[in-house]
Amino acid sequence: MASKWVRPEVYPLFAATGVAIGICAFSLLRNITGNPEVRVNKMGRAAGVLENHEEGRRYAEHGLRAYVQDKTPEIMPGINKFFTSPK
């Protein structure tokens, strides 16, 4: 019965869906655990709006953003330099 519904042609679709679900789960977990504006417990929600700018700045300037901050926004810089630099 399973071989009738699960064909090898749909494996890439399963992989793409799995990656999309993984990205969504990562984003959800990151926002729930690290976002200073999301408060899950009752005491945190009762606090109201907090003026904690430093915590928000730390959340926004995460490790990946700090890594790519000094990089040029190119997908393949080696190929771009090869075709644009005069010889």
N, C-alpha and C. Protein backbone atom coordinates (compact mmCIF):
# COMPACT_ATOMS: atom_id res chain seq x y z
N MET A 1 0.83 -1.20 0.00
CA MET A 1 0.00 0.00 0.00
C MET A 1 0.87 1.26 0.00
N ALA A 2 1.97 1.26 0.80
CA ALA A 2 2.82 2.45 0.87
C ALA A 2 3.53 2.71 -0.44
N SER A 3 3.89 1.65 -1.16
CA SER A 3 4.60 1.85 -2.43
C SER A 3 3.69 2.50 -3.48
N LYS A 4 2.40 2.36 -3.31
CA LYS A 4 1.47 2.99 -4.24
C LYS A 4 1.43 4.50 -4.04
N TRP A 5 1.61 4.97 -2.81
CA TRP A 5 1.50 6.39 -2.50
C TRP A 5 2.85 7.10 -2.44
N VAL A 6 3.89 6.39 -2.04
CA VAL A 6 5.20 7.01 -1.90
C VAL A 6 6.07 6.54 -3.06
N ARG A 7 6.20 7.38 -4.04
CA ARG A 7 6.99 7.06 -5.22
C ARG A 7 8.32 7.82 -5.16
N PRO A 8 9.35 7.32 -5.82
CA PRO A 8 10.65 8.02 -5.80
C PRO A 8 10.60 9.42 -6.39
N GLU A 9 9.62 9.70 -7.23
CA GLU A 9 9.53 11.03 -7.84
C GLU A 9 9.19 12.11 -6.82
N VAL A 10 8.57 11.72 -5.70
CA VAL A 10 8.15 12.72 -4.72
C VAL A 10 9.15 12.90 -3.59
N TYR A 11 10.28 12.18 -3.61
CA TYR A 11 11.30 12.35 -2.57
C TYR A 11 11.82 13.79 -2.50
N PRO A 12 12.11 14.45 -3.62
CA PRO A 12 12.55 15.86 -3.52
C PRO A 12 11.49 16.77 -2.89
N LEU A 13 10.23 16.47 -3.14
CA LEU A 13 9.16 17.24 -2.51
C LEU A 13 9.15 17.03 -1.01
N PHE A 14 9.34 15.79 -0.59
CA PHE A 14 9.43 15.51 0.86
C PHE A 14 10.63 16.23 1.47
N ALA A 15 11.76 16.23 0.76
CA ALA A 15 12.96 16.89 1.28
C ALA A 15 12.73 18.40 1.40
N ALA A 16 12.16 19.01 0.37
CA ALA A 16 11.91 20.45 0.41
C ALA A 16 10.93 20.81 1.52
N THR A 17 9.90 20.00 1.68
CA THR A 17 8.93 20.24 2.75
C THR A 17 9.58 20.07 4.11
N GLY A 18 10.44 19.07 4.25
CA GLY A 18 11.15 18.85 5.51
C GLY A 18 12.06 20.02 5.86
N VAL A 19 12.77 20.55 4.86
CA VAL A 19 13.64 21.70 5.10
C VAL A 19 12.80 22.92 5.49
N ALA A 20 11.68 23.13 4.82
CA ALA A 20 10.82 24.27 5.16
C ALA A 20 10.28 24.14 6.58
N ILE A 21 9.88 22.96 6.97
CA ILE A 21 9.38 22.75 8.34
C ILE A 21 10.51 22.97 9.34
N GLY A 22 11.72 22.54 9.01
CA GLY A 22 12.86 22.76 9.89
C GLY A 22 13.17 24.23 10.08
N ILE A 23 13.12 25.01 8.99
CA ILE A 23 13.37 26.45 9.08
C ILE A 23 12.29 27.12 9.93
N CYS A 24 11.04 26.72 9.73
CA CYS A 24 9.95 27.29 10.54
C CYS A 24 10.13 26.95 12.02
N ALA A 25 10.50 25.71 12.31
CA ALA A 25 10.69 25.30 13.70
C ALA A 25 11.85 26.07 14.34
N PHE A 26 12.94 26.25 13.59
CA PHE A 26 14.08 27.01 14.10
C PHE A 26 13.67 28.44 14.41
N SER A 27 12.94 29.06 13.49
CA SER A 27 12.51 30.44 13.69
C SER A 27 11.58 30.55 14.90
N LEU A 28 10.66 29.63 15.02
CA LEU A 28 9.73 29.65 16.15
C LEU A 28 10.48 29.48 17.46
N LEU A 29 11.39 28.52 17.53
CA LEU A 29 12.15 28.30 18.76
C LEU A 29 13.02 29.51 19.10
N ARG A 30 13.65 30.10 18.09
CA ARG A 30 14.50 31.26 18.34
C ARG A 30 13.67 32.43 18.87
N ASN A 31 12.49 32.64 18.30
CA ASN A 31 11.66 33.75 18.77
C ASN A 31 11.09 33.50 20.16
N ILE A 32 10.70 32.27 20.44
CA ILE A 32 10.13 31.99 21.76
C ILE A 32 11.19 32.08 22.85
N THR A 33 12.39 31.57 22.57
CA THR A 33 13.40 31.53 23.63
C THR A 33 14.23 32.80 23.72
N GLY A 34 14.39 33.54 22.63
CA GLY A 34 15.32 34.65 22.68
C GLY A 34 14.76 36.03 22.46
N ASN A 35 13.59 36.14 21.88
CA ASN A 35 13.04 37.46 21.57
C ASN A 35 12.61 38.17 22.85
N PRO A 36 13.13 39.37 23.08
CA PRO A 36 12.78 40.07 24.32
C PRO A 36 11.32 40.53 24.37
N GLU A 37 10.64 40.58 23.23
CA GLU A 37 9.24 41.01 23.22
C GLU A 37 8.26 39.87 23.43
N VAL A 38 8.73 38.64 23.37
CA VAL A 38 7.85 37.48 23.57
C VAL A 38 8.01 37.01 25.01
N ARG A 39 6.92 37.00 25.74
CA ARG A 39 6.93 36.54 27.12
C ARG A 39 5.92 35.42 27.27
N VAL A 40 6.40 34.25 27.64
CA VAL A 40 5.55 33.07 27.70
C VAL A 40 4.90 32.92 29.07
N ASN A 41 5.63 33.21 30.13
CA ASN A 41 5.07 33.00 31.47
C ASN A 41 4.18 34.17 31.89
N LYS A 42 3.36 33.94 32.87
CA LYS A 42 2.36 34.92 33.30
C LYS A 42 3.00 36.16 33.91
N MET A 43 4.07 35.98 34.67
CA MET A 43 4.72 37.11 35.32
C MET A 43 5.34 38.04 34.26
N GLY A 44 5.92 37.47 33.24
CA GLY A 44 6.50 38.29 32.18
C GLY A 44 5.46 39.06 31.40
N ARG A 45 4.30 38.44 31.16
CA ARG A 45 3.24 39.13 30.43
C ARG A 45 2.64 40.25 31.26
N ALA A 46 2.61 40.09 32.57
CA ALA A 46 2.04 41.11 33.45
C ALA A 46 2.94 42.34 33.53
N ALA A 47 4.20 42.20 33.14
CA ALA A 47 5.14 43.33 33.24
C ALA A 47 4.81 44.43 32.25
N GLY A 48 4.07 44.12 31.20
CA GLY A 48 3.72 45.14 30.21
C GLY A 48 4.85 45.40 29.24
N VAL A 49 4.90 46.61 28.74
CA VAL A 49 5.93 46.99 27.77
C VAL A 49 7.20 47.37 28.52
N LEU A 50 8.29 46.69 28.18
CA LEU A 50 9.56 46.97 28.82
C LEU A 50 10.41 47.85 27.91
N GLU A 51 11.12 48.79 28.50
CA GLU A 51 12.03 49.64 27.75
C GLU A 51 13.45 49.10 27.91
N ASN A 52 13.68 47.93 27.38
CA ASN A 52 14.97 47.28 27.51
C ASN A 52 15.63 47.24 26.13
N HIS A 53 16.23 48.35 25.75
CA HIS A 53 16.79 48.48 24.41
C HIS A 53 18.04 47.63 24.22
N GLU A 54 18.83 47.46 25.25
CA GLU A 54 20.07 46.68 25.11
C GLU A 54 19.77 45.22 24.81
N GLU A 55 18.78 44.65 25.46
CA GLU A 55 18.41 43.26 25.19
C GLU A 55 17.88 43.10 23.76
N GLY A 56 17.12 44.06 23.30
CA GLY A 56 16.63 44.03 21.92
C GLY A 56 17.76 44.16 20.92
N ARG A 57 18.74 44.98 21.23
CA ARG A 57 19.89 45.15 20.34
C ARG A 57 20.70 43.86 20.27
N ARG A 58 20.87 43.19 21.40
CA ARG A 58 21.59 41.91 21.41
C ARG A 58 20.85 40.86 20.59
N TYR A 59 19.52 40.87 20.65
CA TYR A 59 18.73 39.91 19.88
C TYR A 59 18.83 40.19 18.39
N ALA A 60 18.79 41.46 18.01
CA ALA A 60 18.82 41.82 16.59
C ALA A 60 20.21 41.62 15.99
N GLU A 61 21.25 41.87 16.75
CA GLU A 61 22.63 41.73 16.25
C GLU A 61 23.17 40.35 16.63
N HIS A 62 22.57 39.31 16.07
CA HIS A 62 22.98 37.94 16.39
C HIS A 62 24.28 37.58 15.67
N GLY A 63 24.79 36.39 15.90
CA GLY A 63 26.09 35.98 15.39
C GLY A 63 26.19 35.97 13.87
N LEU A 64 25.16 35.53 13.19
CA LEU A 64 25.20 35.49 11.73
C LEU A 64 25.25 36.90 11.15
N ARG A 65 24.48 37.80 11.71
CA ARG A 65 24.49 39.17 11.22
C ARG A 65 25.85 39.83 11.47
N ALA A 66 26.45 39.54 12.62
CA ALA A 66 27.77 40.09 12.91
C ALA A 66 28.82 39.52 11.95
N TYR A 67 28.66 38.27 11.55
CA TYR A 67 29.61 37.64 10.63
C TYR A 67 29.53 38.25 9.23
N VAL A 68 28.32 38.49 8.73
CA VAL A 68 28.16 38.98 7.36
C VAL A 68 28.17 40.50 7.27
N GLN A 69 28.31 41.18 8.37
CA GLN A 69 28.24 42.64 8.36
C GLN A 69 29.36 43.26 7.52
N ASP A 70 30.55 42.71 7.55
CA ASP A 70 31.68 43.27 6.81
C ASP A 70 31.85 42.65 5.43
N LYS A 71 31.02 41.71 5.07
CA LYS A 71 31.13 41.04 3.77
C LYS A 71 30.37 41.82 2.70
N THR A 72 30.81 41.67 1.46
CA THR A 72 30.08 42.28 0.36
C THR A 72 28.90 41.38 0.00
N PRO A 73 27.78 41.95 -0.40
CA PRO A 73 26.59 41.12 -0.69
C PRO A 73 26.67 40.47 -2.07
N GLU A 74 27.55 39.50 -2.20
CA GLU A 74 27.71 38.77 -3.44
C GLU A 74 27.48 37.29 -3.18
N ILE A 75 26.90 36.63 -4.16
CA ILE A 75 26.67 35.20 -4.01
C ILE A 75 27.93 34.42 -4.37
N MET A 76 28.58 34.77 -5.46
CA MET A 76 29.81 34.10 -5.88
C MET A 76 30.88 35.15 -6.15
N PRO A 77 31.56 35.64 -5.11
CA PRO A 77 32.52 36.72 -5.31
C PRO A 77 33.69 36.35 -6.20
N GLY A 78 34.14 35.10 -6.19
CA GLY A 78 35.25 34.69 -7.03
C GLY A 78 34.92 34.80 -8.51
N ILE A 79 33.73 34.37 -8.88
CA ILE A 79 33.31 34.46 -10.28
C ILE A 79 33.09 35.92 -10.67
N ASN A 80 32.53 36.72 -9.77
CA ASN A 80 32.31 38.14 -10.07
C ASN A 80 33.65 38.85 -10.31
N LYS A 81 34.64 38.57 -9.48
CA LYS A 81 35.95 39.21 -9.65
C LYS A 81 36.61 38.74 -10.94
N PHE A 82 36.43 37.49 -11.29
CA PHE A 82 37.04 36.96 -12.52
C PHE A 82 36.51 37.67 -13.75
N PHE A 83 35.20 37.91 -13.79
CA PHE A 83 34.60 38.51 -14.97
C PHE A 83 34.65 40.03 -14.98
N THR A 84 34.85 40.67 -13.84
CA THR A 84 34.84 42.14 -13.81
C THR A 84 36.21 42.77 -13.71
N SER A 85 37.21 42.05 -13.25
CA SER A 85 38.54 42.67 -13.11
C SER A 85 39.26 42.66 -14.44
N PRO A 86 39.83 43.80 -14.81
CA PRO A 86 40.57 43.85 -16.08
C PRO A 86 41.91 43.13 -15.94
N LYS A 87 42.34 42.55 -17.07
CA LYS A 87 43.61 41.82 -17.04
C LYS A 87 44.63 42.47 -17.91
